């Protein structure tokens, strides 16, 4: 079930999930940056967000 990016980020931050798809701005925030690693989904693997 999709709720919101901030809820997904919260799950990632707490360790409730092993992997989460969040925005790059969340991944680079000071709080999240210290929690783990991030990987950019290649542009050819998704449609642009308008």
Protein backbone atom coordinates (compact mmCIF):
# COMPACT_ATOMS: atom_id res chain seq x y z
CA UNK A 1 0.00 0.00 0.00
CA UNK A 2 1.41 3.38 -1.00
CA UNK A 3 0.97 6.12 1.59
CA UNK A 4 3.58 8.82 1.03
CA UNK A 5 7.25 9.40 0.40
CA UNK A 6 7.74 10.68 3.95
CA UNK A 7 6.16 7.53 5.40
CA UNK A 8 8.40 5.36 3.23
CA UNK A 9 11.42 7.40 4.34
CA UNK A 10 10.34 6.85 7.94
CA UNK A 11 10.27 3.07 7.39
CA UNK A 12 13.73 3.21 5.84
CA UNK A 13 15.09 5.39 8.66
CA UNK A 14 13.69 3.13 11.40
CA UNK A 15 15.01 -0.04 9.77
CA UNK A 16 11.49 -1.47 9.39
CA UNK A 17 12.28 -2.20 5.74
CA UNK A 18 15.46 -3.29 3.99
CA UNK A 19 14.88 -1.12 0.91
CA UNK A 20 12.65 1.82 0.05
CA UNK A 21 12.12 4.00 -2.99
CA UNK A 22 12.29 7.62 -1.84
CA UNK A 23 13.12 10.93 -3.46
CA UNK A 24 16.74 11.89 -3.91
CA UNK A 25 16.18 14.96 -1.73
CA UNK A 26 15.16 12.68 1.17
CA UNK A 27 18.09 10.34 0.55
CA UNK A 28 20.55 13.26 0.64
CA UNK A 29 19.05 14.91 3.72
CA UNK A 30 21.42 15.01 6.72
CA UNK A 31 19.25 12.57 8.69
CA UNK A 32 18.95 9.94 5.97
CA UNK A 33 22.47 10.37 4.60
CA UNK A 34 23.89 8.85 7.78
CA UNK A 35 21.53 5.83 7.72
CA UNK A 36 22.82 3.96 4.70
CA UNK A 37 23.32 4.03 0.98
CA UNK A 38 21.28 5.19 -1.96
CA UNK A 39 21.16 4.14 -5.59
CA UNK A 40 19.69 6.17 -8.44
CA UNK A 41 17.21 4.33 -10.64
CA UNK A 42 18.54 4.74 -14.20
CA UNK A 43 16.49 7.22 -16.23
CA UNK A 44 15.91 4.65 -18.97
CA UNK A 45 14.11 2.41 -16.43
CA UNK A 46 11.26 4.85 -15.68
CA UNK A 47 9.18 7.60 -17.16
CA UNK A 48 10.02 11.19 -16.21
CA UNK A 49 8.03 12.63 -13.31
CA UNK A 50 6.24 15.73 -14.56
